[in-house]
Amino acid sequence: SHWNGGNLAWASGLIVPADSATFCAMVIEPDQATFYMSDGDTLLSSVNVAAHAALDLATPPGFGGNQSASRTYIGGIDETAVYGRALSQSEITTLFLVGSGAPFQLGIVPGGIIEDTNPLGPPHNGNNLGTTWTASSDDGFGTTRTGVQVFTATNDTQIVAPGNPDFNATNGTFAFWMRTASVPLPGAGNEAAMLMDR
C-alpha cells in the first residue's frame, strides 16, 4: 500500500494470481484503507488501520505505476472506476458479482413470501414482515385449522402486498377467518389495530 507518500511499509497479504483476471478495489477513508481482491468466487479483504490523508491533486494520480515511473506494473487493467466517496462492502461486492458473473447464493427463510392462492388472474404474492406460520391451530370451536399465519406484535408483524393496478377496483371482496389473541377486538390496547390498510 502506498498512499500520498505514506503507508509504504504495510502489506495487505493479498497476492494477485498471475495470468488471471482478478477484481481488485481499494477504499480510502481518513482512518483506514480497505483492500478487496477476488479469489475466483468470493471476495477477500484486508484493512490497514492508519491515517490516510486526502488525495493531493497537485499532480495527476498515477495508475499502473508510481508517478516517477520507477515502479511500473506489468499486465492489463480493465474497467477502471474512480468514485468520489468510500463505497460500502455491500457495494463493492455488487461490483464484483456484476462484473465477474460469479454464482450468487441467496438464502431464503421459510415463510418470507406469502403465496397468493387466488386461482384467477396473475398472482400477487405478499412479503412476510415478522409473522410466523403454524401448521395447525385450534379455532376455539373444536375445529383444527391447518396453515395459519400468526401476528404477534402490534405494528411490528404484517403481510405487505406490493402495489399493483389490479387492486384499483371499485368493487371487491376480502374474506378470511380470524381469531384474536385472548382479548376482544376492539378492546383495551387494540383501539388502533388495523386488519387491512389500502
N, C-alpha and C. Protein backbone atom coordinates (compact mmCIF):
# COMPACT_ATOMS: atom_id res chain seq x y z
N SER A 1 0.85 -1.19 0.00
CA SER A 1 0.00 0.00 0.00
C SER A 1 0.88 1.23 0.00
N HIS A 2 0.64 2.14 -0.92
CA HIS A 2 1.38 3.41 -0.97
C HIS A 2 0.36 4.50 -1.28
N TRP A 3 0.12 5.35 -0.29
CA TRP A 3 -0.92 6.37 -0.45
C TRP A 3 -0.37 7.72 -0.04
N ASN A 4 -0.37 8.64 -0.99
CA ASN A 4 0.07 10.01 -0.70
C ASN A 4 1.44 10.05 -0.03
N GLY A 5 2.32 9.17 -0.43
CA GLY A 5 3.67 9.17 0.12
C GLY A 5 3.80 8.47 1.45
N GLY A 6 2.74 7.83 1.93
CA GLY A 6 2.79 7.16 3.22
C GLY A 6 2.29 5.72 3.14
N ASN A 7 2.38 5.00 4.26
CA ASN A 7 1.90 3.63 4.39
C ASN A 7 2.60 2.65 3.44
N LEU A 8 3.79 2.98 3.04
CA LEU A 8 4.50 2.14 2.09
C LEU A 8 4.92 0.80 2.69
N ALA A 9 5.12 0.76 4.00
CA ALA A 9 5.64 -0.46 4.62
C ALA A 9 4.56 -1.48 4.93
N TRP A 10 3.28 -1.09 4.82
CA TRP A 10 2.20 -2.03 5.17
C TRP A 10 1.95 -3.01 4.04
N ALA A 11 1.76 -4.28 4.37
CA ALA A 11 1.48 -5.32 3.38
C ALA A 11 0.09 -5.90 3.65
N SER A 12 -0.73 -5.98 2.63
CA SER A 12 -2.10 -6.46 2.78
C SER A 12 -2.19 -7.97 2.94
N GLY A 13 -1.20 -8.69 2.42
CA GLY A 13 -1.28 -10.15 2.43
C GLY A 13 -2.09 -10.71 1.28
N LEU A 14 -2.68 -9.85 0.45
CA LEU A 14 -3.44 -10.29 -0.72
C LEU A 14 -2.49 -10.41 -1.90
N ILE A 15 -2.39 -11.60 -2.48
CA ILE A 15 -1.49 -11.85 -3.59
C ILE A 15 -2.30 -12.07 -4.85
N VAL A 16 -2.13 -11.20 -5.83
CA VAL A 16 -2.87 -11.31 -7.09
C VAL A 16 -2.26 -12.44 -7.92
N PRO A 17 -3.07 -13.42 -8.33
CA PRO A 17 -2.52 -14.53 -9.11
C PRO A 17 -2.07 -14.09 -10.49
N ALA A 18 -1.08 -14.80 -11.03
CA ALA A 18 -0.56 -14.48 -12.36
C ALA A 18 -1.49 -15.00 -13.44
N ASP A 19 -1.57 -14.25 -14.54
CA ASP A 19 -2.30 -14.67 -15.74
C ASP A 19 -3.76 -15.00 -15.47
N SER A 20 -4.40 -14.27 -14.57
CA SER A 20 -5.81 -14.49 -14.26
C SER A 20 -6.47 -13.15 -13.98
N ALA A 21 -7.56 -12.86 -14.69
CA ALA A 21 -8.29 -11.61 -14.44
C ALA A 21 -8.81 -11.61 -13.01
N THR A 22 -8.45 -10.60 -12.24
CA THR A 22 -8.77 -10.55 -10.81
C THR A 22 -9.40 -9.20 -10.47
N PHE A 23 -10.55 -9.23 -9.83
CA PHE A 23 -11.18 -7.99 -9.40
C PHE A 23 -10.48 -7.45 -8.16
N CYS A 24 -10.12 -6.18 -8.19
CA CYS A 24 -9.46 -5.53 -7.05
C CYS A 24 -10.12 -4.18 -6.79
N ALA A 25 -10.16 -3.79 -5.54
CA ALA A 25 -10.71 -2.48 -5.17
C ALA A 25 -9.99 -1.97 -3.95
N MET A 26 -9.87 -0.66 -3.87
CA MET A 26 -9.25 -0.01 -2.72
C MET A 26 -10.19 1.10 -2.26
N VAL A 27 -10.59 1.05 -1.00
CA VAL A 27 -11.49 2.06 -0.44
C VAL A 27 -10.71 2.86 0.60
N ILE A 28 -10.56 4.14 0.35
CA ILE A 28 -9.79 5.02 1.24
C ILE A 28 -10.73 5.82 2.12
N GLU A 29 -10.48 5.79 3.42
CA GLU A 29 -11.19 6.61 4.40
C GLU A 29 -10.14 7.31 5.26
N PRO A 30 -10.50 8.37 5.96
CA PRO A 30 -9.49 9.12 6.72
C PRO A 30 -8.69 8.28 7.70
N ASP A 31 -9.31 7.24 8.29
CA ASP A 31 -8.62 6.47 9.32
C ASP A 31 -8.27 5.05 8.91
N GLN A 32 -8.52 4.69 7.64
CA GLN A 32 -8.18 3.35 7.21
C GLN A 32 -8.27 3.22 5.69
N ALA A 33 -7.66 2.16 5.18
CA ALA A 33 -7.78 1.78 3.78
C ALA A 33 -8.14 0.31 3.73
N THR A 34 -9.16 -0.04 2.94
CA THR A 34 -9.60 -1.42 2.82
C THR A 34 -9.34 -1.90 1.40
N PHE A 35 -8.66 -3.04 1.30
CA PHE A 35 -8.34 -3.63 0.01
C PHE A 35 -9.20 -4.87 -0.19
N TYR A 36 -9.72 -5.02 -1.42
CA TYR A 36 -10.52 -6.19 -1.78
C TYR A 36 -9.89 -6.88 -2.98
N MET A 37 -9.96 -8.20 -2.99
CA MET A 37 -9.47 -8.98 -4.12
C MET A 37 -10.28 -10.27 -4.22
N SER A 38 -10.64 -10.65 -5.45
CA SER A 38 -11.39 -11.89 -5.64
C SER A 38 -10.43 -13.06 -5.72
N ASP A 39 -10.88 -14.20 -5.20
CA ASP A 39 -10.11 -15.43 -5.38
C ASP A 39 -10.81 -16.36 -6.36
N GLY A 40 -11.72 -15.80 -7.13
CA GLY A 40 -12.47 -16.56 -8.12
C GLY A 40 -13.96 -16.50 -7.86
N ASP A 41 -14.37 -16.94 -6.67
CA ASP A 41 -15.80 -16.96 -6.35
C ASP A 41 -16.19 -16.03 -5.21
N THR A 42 -15.24 -15.65 -4.38
CA THR A 42 -15.55 -14.81 -3.23
C THR A 42 -14.59 -13.63 -3.18
N LEU A 43 -14.89 -12.69 -2.29
CA LEU A 43 -14.03 -11.52 -2.10
C LEU A 43 -13.23 -11.67 -0.82
N LEU A 44 -11.93 -11.44 -0.93
CA LEU A 44 -11.07 -11.37 0.24
C LEU A 44 -10.83 -9.90 0.54
N SER A 45 -10.54 -9.58 1.80
CA SER A 45 -10.31 -8.18 2.15
C SER A 45 -9.23 -8.07 3.20
N SER A 46 -8.63 -6.90 3.27
CA SER A 46 -7.60 -6.61 4.26
C SER A 46 -7.67 -5.13 4.57
N VAL A 47 -7.54 -4.78 5.85
CA VAL A 47 -7.71 -3.40 6.27
C VAL A 47 -6.42 -2.87 6.90
N ASN A 48 -6.00 -1.72 6.44
CA ASN A 48 -4.86 -1.02 7.05
C ASN A 48 -5.43 0.12 7.89
N VAL A 49 -5.42 -0.06 9.22
CA VAL A 49 -5.95 0.96 10.13
C VAL A 49 -4.84 1.97 10.38
N ALA A 50 -4.91 3.08 9.70
CA ALA A 50 -3.91 4.15 9.81
C ALA A 50 -4.48 5.38 9.14
N ALA A 51 -3.93 6.53 9.47
CA ALA A 51 -4.40 7.78 8.88
C ALA A 51 -4.07 7.80 7.39
N HIS A 52 -5.06 8.21 6.59
CA HIS A 52 -4.88 8.35 5.15
C HIS A 52 -5.36 9.76 4.77
N ALA A 53 -4.41 10.60 4.45
CA ALA A 53 -4.72 12.00 4.14
C ALA A 53 -5.48 12.09 2.83
N ALA A 54 -6.18 13.21 2.65
CA ALA A 54 -6.89 13.45 1.41
C ALA A 54 -5.92 13.44 0.24
N LEU A 55 -6.38 12.96 -0.91
CA LEU A 55 -5.52 12.85 -2.08
C LEU A 55 -5.08 14.23 -2.56
N ASP A 56 -3.78 14.39 -2.76
CA ASP A 56 -3.22 15.64 -3.26
C ASP A 56 -3.31 15.63 -4.78
N LEU A 57 -4.15 16.50 -5.31
CA LEU A 57 -4.35 16.54 -6.75
C LEU A 57 -3.48 17.59 -7.44
N ALA A 58 -2.42 18.04 -6.75
CA ALA A 58 -1.50 18.99 -7.38
C ALA A 58 -0.85 18.34 -8.60
N THR A 59 -0.63 17.03 -8.54
CA THR A 59 -0.16 16.28 -9.69
C THR A 59 -1.15 15.16 -9.94
N PRO A 60 -1.33 14.76 -11.19
CA PRO A 60 -2.34 13.75 -11.51
C PRO A 60 -2.05 12.42 -10.80
N PRO A 61 -3.08 11.72 -10.32
CA PRO A 61 -2.85 10.40 -9.73
C PRO A 61 -2.36 9.42 -10.78
N GLY A 62 -1.52 8.49 -10.38
CA GLY A 62 -0.97 7.54 -11.33
C GLY A 62 -1.65 6.19 -11.25
N PHE A 63 -1.86 5.55 -12.37
CA PHE A 63 -2.41 4.20 -12.46
C PHE A 63 -1.42 3.34 -13.23
N GLY A 64 -1.16 2.16 -12.73
CA GLY A 64 -0.23 1.27 -13.39
C GLY A 64 1.21 1.52 -13.00
N GLY A 65 1.41 2.36 -12.00
CA GLY A 65 2.77 2.63 -11.54
C GLY A 65 2.80 3.91 -10.74
N ASN A 66 3.96 4.21 -10.17
CA ASN A 66 4.07 5.48 -9.45
C ASN A 66 4.38 6.60 -10.43
N GLN A 67 4.27 7.83 -9.96
CA GLN A 67 4.37 8.96 -10.87
C GLN A 67 5.76 9.15 -11.44
N SER A 68 6.77 8.64 -10.75
CA SER A 68 8.13 8.77 -11.28
C SER A 68 8.47 7.64 -12.24
N ALA A 69 7.52 6.72 -12.44
CA ALA A 69 7.69 5.60 -13.37
C ALA A 69 8.85 4.69 -12.99
N SER A 70 9.17 4.66 -11.71
CA SER A 70 10.24 3.77 -11.27
C SER A 70 9.72 2.42 -10.81
N ARG A 71 8.40 2.32 -10.61
CA ARG A 71 7.79 1.07 -10.17
C ARG A 71 6.53 0.83 -11.01
N THR A 72 6.73 0.34 -12.19
CA THR A 72 5.62 0.17 -13.11
C THR A 72 5.04 -1.23 -13.02
N TYR A 73 3.76 -1.31 -13.32
CA TYR A 73 3.01 -2.56 -13.28
C TYR A 73 3.05 -3.21 -14.65
N ILE A 74 3.25 -4.50 -14.71
CA ILE A 74 3.26 -5.23 -15.97
C ILE A 74 2.00 -6.09 -16.03
N GLY A 75 1.14 -5.83 -16.97
CA GLY A 75 -0.11 -6.56 -17.09
C GLY A 75 -1.19 -5.68 -17.69
N GLY A 76 -2.42 -6.08 -17.57
CA GLY A 76 -3.53 -5.32 -18.12
C GLY A 76 -4.48 -4.84 -17.04
N ILE A 77 -5.12 -3.70 -17.28
CA ILE A 77 -6.13 -3.15 -16.37
C ILE A 77 -7.37 -2.84 -17.20
N ASP A 78 -8.53 -3.26 -16.73
CA ASP A 78 -9.77 -3.09 -17.48
C ASP A 78 -10.87 -2.55 -16.56
N GLU A 79 -11.77 -1.76 -17.13
CA GLU A 79 -12.95 -1.24 -16.43
C GLU A 79 -12.59 -0.51 -15.15
N THR A 80 -11.63 0.40 -15.26
CA THR A 80 -11.24 1.21 -14.10
C THR A 80 -12.36 2.19 -13.74
N ALA A 81 -12.63 2.34 -12.45
CA ALA A 81 -13.65 3.28 -11.97
C ALA A 81 -13.13 4.00 -10.74
N VAL A 82 -13.38 5.29 -10.67
CA VAL A 82 -13.00 6.11 -9.52
C VAL A 82 -14.27 6.76 -8.97
N TYR A 83 -14.53 6.59 -7.67
CA TYR A 83 -15.72 7.14 -7.04
C TYR A 83 -15.33 8.25 -6.07
N GLY A 84 -16.19 9.22 -5.94
CA GLY A 84 -15.92 10.35 -5.07
C GLY A 84 -16.31 10.13 -3.63
N ARG A 85 -16.49 8.88 -3.22
CA ARG A 85 -16.83 8.55 -1.83
C ARG A 85 -16.36 7.14 -1.54
N ALA A 86 -16.35 6.78 -0.26
CA ALA A 86 -15.96 5.44 0.14
C ALA A 86 -17.13 4.50 -0.05
N LEU A 87 -17.00 3.52 -0.92
CA LEU A 87 -18.05 2.55 -1.14
C LEU A 87 -18.11 1.55 0.01
N SER A 88 -19.32 1.09 0.32
CA SER A 88 -19.50 0.10 1.38
C SER A 88 -19.08 -1.28 0.88
N GLN A 89 -18.92 -2.22 1.81
CA GLN A 89 -18.57 -3.59 1.44
C GLN A 89 -19.65 -4.18 0.54
N SER A 90 -20.92 -3.87 0.82
CA SER A 90 -22.01 -4.38 0.01
C SER A 90 -21.91 -3.85 -1.43
N GLU A 91 -21.57 -2.59 -1.58
CA GLU A 91 -21.45 -2.01 -2.92
C GLU A 91 -20.27 -2.61 -3.67
N ILE A 92 -19.16 -2.85 -2.97
CA ILE A 92 -18.00 -3.47 -3.60
C ILE A 92 -18.36 -4.89 -4.05
N THR A 93 -19.08 -5.62 -3.20
CA THR A 93 -19.49 -6.98 -3.55
C THR A 93 -20.38 -6.97 -4.78
N THR A 94 -21.28 -6.00 -4.88
CA THR A 94 -22.15 -5.90 -6.05
C THR A 94 -21.33 -5.66 -7.32
N LEU A 95 -20.34 -4.78 -7.26
CA LEU A 95 -19.48 -4.53 -8.42
C LEU A 95 -18.79 -5.82 -8.85
N PHE A 96 -18.30 -6.58 -7.87
CA PHE A 96 -17.61 -7.83 -8.16
C PHE A 96 -18.55 -8.84 -8.82
N LEU A 97 -19.75 -9.02 -8.24
CA LEU A 97 -20.69 -10.00 -8.77
C LEU A 97 -21.16 -9.65 -10.17
N VAL A 98 -21.45 -8.38 -10.40
CA VAL A 98 -21.93 -7.96 -11.72
C VAL A 98 -20.84 -8.15 -12.77
N GLY A 99 -19.61 -7.81 -12.41
CA GLY A 99 -18.53 -7.88 -13.39
C GLY A 99 -17.97 -9.27 -13.63
N SER A 100 -18.10 -10.16 -12.67
CA SER A 100 -17.45 -11.46 -12.77
C SER A 100 -18.37 -12.57 -13.24
N GLY A 101 -19.67 -12.39 -13.04
CA GLY A 101 -20.59 -13.48 -13.37
C GLY A 101 -20.48 -14.62 -12.38
N ALA A 102 -19.88 -14.37 -11.21
CA ALA A 102 -19.74 -15.41 -10.20
C ALA A 102 -21.11 -15.85 -9.71
N PRO A 103 -21.28 -17.12 -9.35
CA PRO A 103 -22.58 -17.59 -8.87
C PRO A 103 -22.99 -16.85 -7.61
N PHE A 104 -24.24 -16.43 -7.59
CA PHE A 104 -24.78 -15.70 -6.45
C PHE A 104 -25.64 -16.63 -5.63
N GLN A 105 -25.31 -16.79 -4.36
CA GLN A 105 -26.06 -17.69 -3.49
C GLN A 105 -26.97 -16.87 -2.58
N LEU A 106 -28.23 -17.22 -2.59
CA LEU A 106 -29.23 -16.50 -1.81
C LEU A 106 -29.89 -17.47 -0.84
N GLY A 107 -29.88 -17.12 0.43
CA GLY A 107 -30.55 -17.94 1.43
C GLY A 107 -31.97 -17.45 1.64
N ILE A 108 -32.91 -18.35 1.58
CA ILE A 108 -34.32 -18.00 1.72
C ILE A 108 -34.85 -18.53 3.05
N VAL A 109 -35.44 -17.66 3.83
CA VAL A 109 -36.05 -18.06 5.09
C VAL A 109 -37.48 -18.52 4.82
N PRO A 110 -37.85 -19.73 5.25
CA PRO A 110 -39.22 -20.20 5.01
C PRO A 110 -40.25 -19.20 5.53
N GLY A 111 -41.27 -18.94 4.72
CA GLY A 111 -42.33 -18.02 5.12
C GLY A 111 -42.04 -16.59 4.75
N GLY A 112 -40.94 -16.34 4.06
CA GLY A 112 -40.59 -14.97 3.68
C GLY A 112 -41.52 -14.39 2.63
N ILE A 113 -42.06 -15.24 1.79
CA ILE A 113 -43.01 -14.83 0.77
C ILE A 113 -44.33 -15.57 1.01
N ILE A 114 -45.41 -14.83 1.07
CA ILE A 114 -46.73 -15.42 1.25
C ILE A 114 -47.37 -15.57 -0.13
N GLU A 115 -47.62 -16.81 -0.53
CA GLU A 115 -48.11 -17.08 -1.88
C GLU A 115 -49.58 -16.69 -2.02
N ASP A 116 -49.87 -16.05 -3.14
CA ASP A 116 -51.24 -15.71 -3.49
C ASP A 116 -51.91 -16.95 -4.07
N THR A 117 -52.95 -17.44 -3.42
CA THR A 117 -53.61 -18.67 -3.87
C THR A 117 -54.85 -18.41 -4.72
N ASN A 118 -55.08 -17.15 -5.08
CA ASN A 118 -56.22 -16.82 -5.93
C ASN A 118 -56.07 -17.54 -7.27
N PRO A 119 -57.04 -18.36 -7.67
CA PRO A 119 -56.89 -19.12 -8.92
C PRO A 119 -57.10 -18.29 -10.18
N LEU A 120 -57.55 -17.05 -10.04
CA LEU A 120 -57.85 -16.22 -11.20
C LEU A 120 -56.84 -15.09 -11.34
N GLY A 121 -56.39 -14.84 -12.54
CA GLY A 121 -55.50 -13.72 -12.81
C GLY A 121 -54.08 -13.97 -12.34
N PRO A 122 -53.20 -13.00 -12.58
CA PRO A 122 -51.80 -13.15 -12.16
C PRO A 122 -51.69 -13.11 -10.63
N PRO A 123 -50.75 -13.88 -10.05
CA PRO A 123 -50.61 -13.89 -8.59
C PRO A 123 -49.98 -12.59 -8.07
N HIS A 124 -50.38 -12.18 -6.89
CA HIS A 124 -49.80 -11.03 -6.21
C HIS A 124 -49.34 -11.51 -4.83
N ASN A 125 -48.13 -12.04 -4.78
CA ASN A 125 -47.60 -12.59 -3.54
C ASN A 125 -47.30 -11.47 -2.55
N GLY A 126 -47.37 -11.79 -1.26
CA GLY A 126 -47.11 -10.81 -0.21
C GLY A 126 -45.77 -11.03 0.46
N ASN A 127 -45.20 -9.98 1.00
CA ASN A 127 -43.95 -10.07 1.75
C ASN A 127 -44.26 -10.23 3.24
N ASN A 128 -43.67 -11.24 3.84
CA ASN A 128 -43.90 -11.53 5.26
C ASN A 128 -42.97 -10.68 6.11
N LEU A 129 -43.52 -9.82 6.93
CA LEU A 129 -42.72 -8.96 7.81
C LEU A 129 -42.96 -9.38 9.27
N GLY A 130 -42.30 -10.45 9.68
CA GLY A 130 -42.31 -10.84 11.08
C GLY A 130 -43.39 -11.79 11.53
N THR A 131 -44.34 -12.14 10.65
CA THR A 131 -45.36 -13.10 11.07
C THR A 131 -44.77 -14.51 11.08
N THR A 132 -45.43 -15.42 11.78
CA THR A 132 -44.97 -16.81 11.83
C THR A 132 -46.04 -17.73 11.28
N TRP A 133 -45.61 -18.88 10.82
CA TRP A 133 -46.51 -19.85 10.22
C TRP A 133 -46.63 -21.05 11.13
N THR A 134 -47.85 -21.46 11.43
CA THR A 134 -48.06 -22.66 12.22
C THR A 134 -48.86 -23.65 11.39
N ALA A 135 -48.48 -24.93 11.48
CA ALA A 135 -49.10 -25.95 10.64
C ALA A 135 -50.57 -26.15 10.98
N SER A 136 -50.94 -26.01 12.27
CA SER A 136 -52.33 -26.19 12.65
C SER A 136 -52.64 -25.38 13.90
N SER A 137 -53.90 -25.01 14.05
CA SER A 137 -54.32 -24.21 15.20
C SER A 137 -55.80 -24.48 15.50
N ASP A 138 -56.11 -24.62 16.79
CA ASP A 138 -57.50 -24.80 17.22
C ASP A 138 -58.22 -23.46 17.11
N ASP A 139 -59.37 -23.45 16.45
CA ASP A 139 -60.07 -22.17 16.24
C ASP A 139 -60.95 -21.77 17.41
N GLY A 140 -60.93 -22.55 18.51
CA GLY A 140 -61.74 -22.20 19.67
C GLY A 140 -63.12 -22.79 19.66
N PHE A 141 -63.49 -23.41 18.55
CA PHE A 141 -64.82 -24.03 18.43
C PHE A 141 -64.71 -25.52 18.13
N GLY A 142 -63.54 -26.09 18.40
CA GLY A 142 -63.37 -27.52 18.18
C GLY A 142 -62.90 -27.91 16.81
N THR A 143 -62.61 -26.93 15.96
CA THR A 143 -62.11 -27.21 14.61
C THR A 143 -60.63 -26.87 14.53
N THR A 144 -59.85 -27.78 14.02
CA THR A 144 -58.43 -27.52 13.82
C THR A 144 -58.21 -27.00 12.40
N ARG A 145 -57.68 -25.80 12.32
CA ARG A 145 -57.41 -25.20 11.02
C ARG A 145 -55.93 -25.40 10.67
N THR A 146 -55.69 -25.76 9.44
CA THR A 146 -54.32 -26.02 9.00
C THR A 146 -53.76 -24.81 8.27
N GLY A 147 -52.46 -24.57 8.49
CA GLY A 147 -51.80 -23.46 7.80
C GLY A 147 -52.32 -22.11 8.25
N VAL A 148 -51.90 -21.65 9.41
CA VAL A 148 -52.40 -20.39 9.98
C VAL A 148 -51.24 -19.42 10.15
N GLN A 149 -51.44 -18.20 9.66
CA GLN A 149 -50.44 -17.14 9.83
C GLN A 149 -50.71 -16.44 11.16
N VAL A 150 -49.66 -16.26 11.98
CA VAL A 150 -49.82 -15.72 13.33
C VAL A 150 -49.16 -14.35 13.42
N PHE A 151 -49.93 -13.36 13.86
CA PHE A 151 -49.45 -11.99 14.06
C PHE A 151 -49.30 -11.78 15.57
N THR A 152 -48.09 -11.46 16.01
CA THR A 152 -47.84 -11.46 17.45
C THR A 152 -47.55 -10.11 18.06
N ALA A 153 -47.11 -9.14 17.29
CA ALA A 153 -46.73 -7.85 17.87
C ALA A 153 -47.43 -6.72 17.14
N THR A 154 -48.16 -5.90 17.88
CA THR A 154 -48.86 -4.77 17.28
C THR A 154 -47.88 -3.85 16.58
N ASN A 155 -48.19 -3.51 15.33
CA ASN A 155 -47.40 -2.60 14.50
C ASN A 155 -46.09 -3.19 14.01
N ASP A 156 -45.73 -4.42 14.43
CA ASP A 156 -44.44 -4.98 14.03
C ASP A 156 -44.57 -6.19 13.12
N THR A 157 -45.71 -6.84 13.06
CA THR A 157 -45.87 -8.01 12.21
C THR A 157 -47.01 -7.75 11.23
N GLN A 158 -46.72 -7.99 9.96
CA GLN A 158 -47.74 -7.76 8.95
C GLN A 158 -47.34 -8.45 7.65
N ILE A 159 -48.27 -8.53 6.73
CA ILE A 159 -48.01 -9.02 5.38
C ILE A 159 -48.28 -7.86 4.44
N VAL A 160 -47.33 -7.57 3.57
CA VAL A 160 -47.46 -6.44 2.66
C VAL A 160 -47.44 -6.94 1.22
N ALA A 161 -48.48 -6.61 0.47
CA ALA A 161 -48.54 -6.93 -0.95
C ALA A 161 -48.15 -5.67 -1.73
N PRO A 162 -47.14 -5.76 -2.60
CA PRO A 162 -46.73 -4.58 -3.38
C PRO A 162 -47.90 -4.01 -4.18
N GLY A 163 -47.93 -2.71 -4.32
CA GLY A 163 -49.00 -2.06 -5.07
C GLY A 163 -49.07 -2.55 -6.51
N ASN A 164 -50.27 -2.67 -7.02
CA ASN A 164 -50.47 -3.13 -8.39
C ASN A 164 -51.78 -2.57 -8.90
N PRO A 165 -51.84 -2.18 -10.19
CA PRO A 165 -53.10 -1.65 -10.73
C PRO A 165 -54.27 -2.61 -10.62
N ASP A 166 -53.98 -3.92 -10.46
CA ASP A 166 -55.07 -4.89 -10.31
C ASP A 166 -55.90 -4.62 -9.06
N PHE A 167 -55.32 -3.92 -8.09
CA PHE A 167 -56.05 -3.62 -6.86
C PHE A 167 -56.91 -2.36 -6.99
N ASN A 168 -56.79 -1.64 -8.08
CA ASN A 168 -57.53 -0.39 -8.27
C ASN A 168 -58.92 -0.70 -8.84
N ALA A 169 -59.76 -1.25 -8.00
CA ALA A 169 -61.12 -1.61 -8.42
C ALA A 169 -62.14 -0.94 -7.51
N THR A 170 -63.30 -0.64 -8.07
CA THR A 170 -64.37 -0.01 -7.27
C THR A 170 -65.18 -1.05 -6.51
N ASN A 171 -65.08 -2.33 -6.90
CA ASN A 171 -65.81 -3.40 -6.24
C ASN A 171 -64.86 -4.55 -5.93
N GLY A 172 -65.10 -5.23 -4.82
CA GLY A 172 -64.27 -6.37 -4.48
C GLY A 172 -64.68 -6.96 -3.15
N THR A 173 -64.10 -8.10 -2.83
CA THR A 173 -64.42 -8.79 -1.60
C THR A 173 -63.17 -9.38 -0.98
N PHE A 174 -62.99 -9.17 0.31
CA PHE A 174 -61.93 -9.82 1.09
C PHE A 174 -62.62 -10.72 2.11
N ALA A 175 -62.17 -11.97 2.21
CA ALA A 175 -62.78 -12.90 3.17
C ALA A 175 -61.69 -13.70 3.86
N PHE A 176 -61.83 -13.89 5.16
CA PHE A 176 -60.85 -14.67 5.91
C PHE A 176 -61.43 -15.04 7.27
N TRP A 177 -60.85 -16.06 7.89
CA TRP A 177 -61.15 -16.43 9.26
C TRP A 177 -60.09 -15.80 10.15
N MET A 178 -60.48 -15.33 11.32
CA MET A 178 -59.51 -14.74 12.24
C MET A 178 -59.84 -15.12 13.67
N ARG A 179 -58.83 -15.09 14.54
CA ARG A 179 -59.03 -15.35 15.96
C ARG A 179 -58.10 -14.43 16.72
N THR A 180 -58.65 -13.57 17.58
CA THR A 180 -57.82 -12.64 18.33
C THR A 180 -57.07 -13.35 19.44
N ALA A 181 -56.01 -12.73 19.89
CA ALA A 181 -55.17 -13.33 20.93
C ALA A 181 -55.66 -12.90 22.31
N SER A 182 -56.62 -13.59 22.87
CA SER A 182 -57.10 -13.52 24.25
C SER A 182 -58.02 -12.34 24.57
N VAL A 183 -58.01 -11.26 23.78
CA VAL A 183 -58.89 -10.13 24.11
C VAL A 183 -59.81 -9.84 22.93
N PRO A 184 -61.01 -9.31 23.21
CA PRO A 184 -61.90 -8.97 22.10
C PRO A 184 -61.29 -7.88 21.22
N LEU A 185 -61.72 -7.81 20.01
CA LEU A 185 -61.27 -6.77 19.08
C LEU A 185 -62.49 -6.02 18.58
N PRO A 186 -62.63 -4.73 18.81
CA PRO A 186 -61.63 -3.90 19.52
C PRO A 186 -61.71 -4.11 21.03
N GLY A 187 -60.61 -3.73 21.68
CA GLY A 187 -60.54 -3.86 23.12
C GLY A 187 -59.35 -3.07 23.63
N ALA A 188 -59.15 -3.14 24.94
CA ALA A 188 -58.06 -2.37 25.54
C ALA A 188 -56.73 -2.69 24.87
N GLY A 189 -56.05 -1.65 24.42
CA GLY A 189 -54.75 -1.82 23.77
C GLY A 189 -54.84 -2.11 22.30
N ASN A 190 -56.07 -2.28 21.79
CA ASN A 190 -56.25 -2.59 20.38
C ASN A 190 -57.07 -1.54 19.64
N GLU A 191 -57.21 -0.35 20.26
CA GLU A 191 -58.08 0.66 19.66
C GLU A 191 -57.62 1.06 18.26
N ALA A 192 -56.32 1.02 18.01
CA ALA A 192 -55.81 1.44 16.71
C ALA A 192 -55.40 0.26 15.85
N ALA A 193 -55.73 -0.97 16.26
CA ALA A 193 -55.35 -2.13 15.48
C ALA A 193 -56.05 -2.10 14.11
N MET A 194 -55.30 -2.45 13.08
CA MET A 194 -55.85 -2.44 11.73
C MET A 194 -55.67 -3.83 11.12
N LEU A 195 -56.74 -4.37 10.57
CA LEU A 195 -56.66 -5.64 9.88
C LEU A 195 -56.19 -5.47 8.45
N MET A 196 -56.50 -4.30 7.86
CA MET A 196 -56.14 -4.09 6.47
C MET A 196 -56.01 -2.59 6.23
N ASP A 197 -55.06 -2.23 5.39
CA ASP A 197 -54.85 -0.81 5.04
C ASP A 197 -54.62 -0.74 3.55
N ARG A 198 -55.29 0.15 2.90
CA ARG A 198 -55.15 0.30 1.44
C ARG A 198 -54.97 1.75 1.11
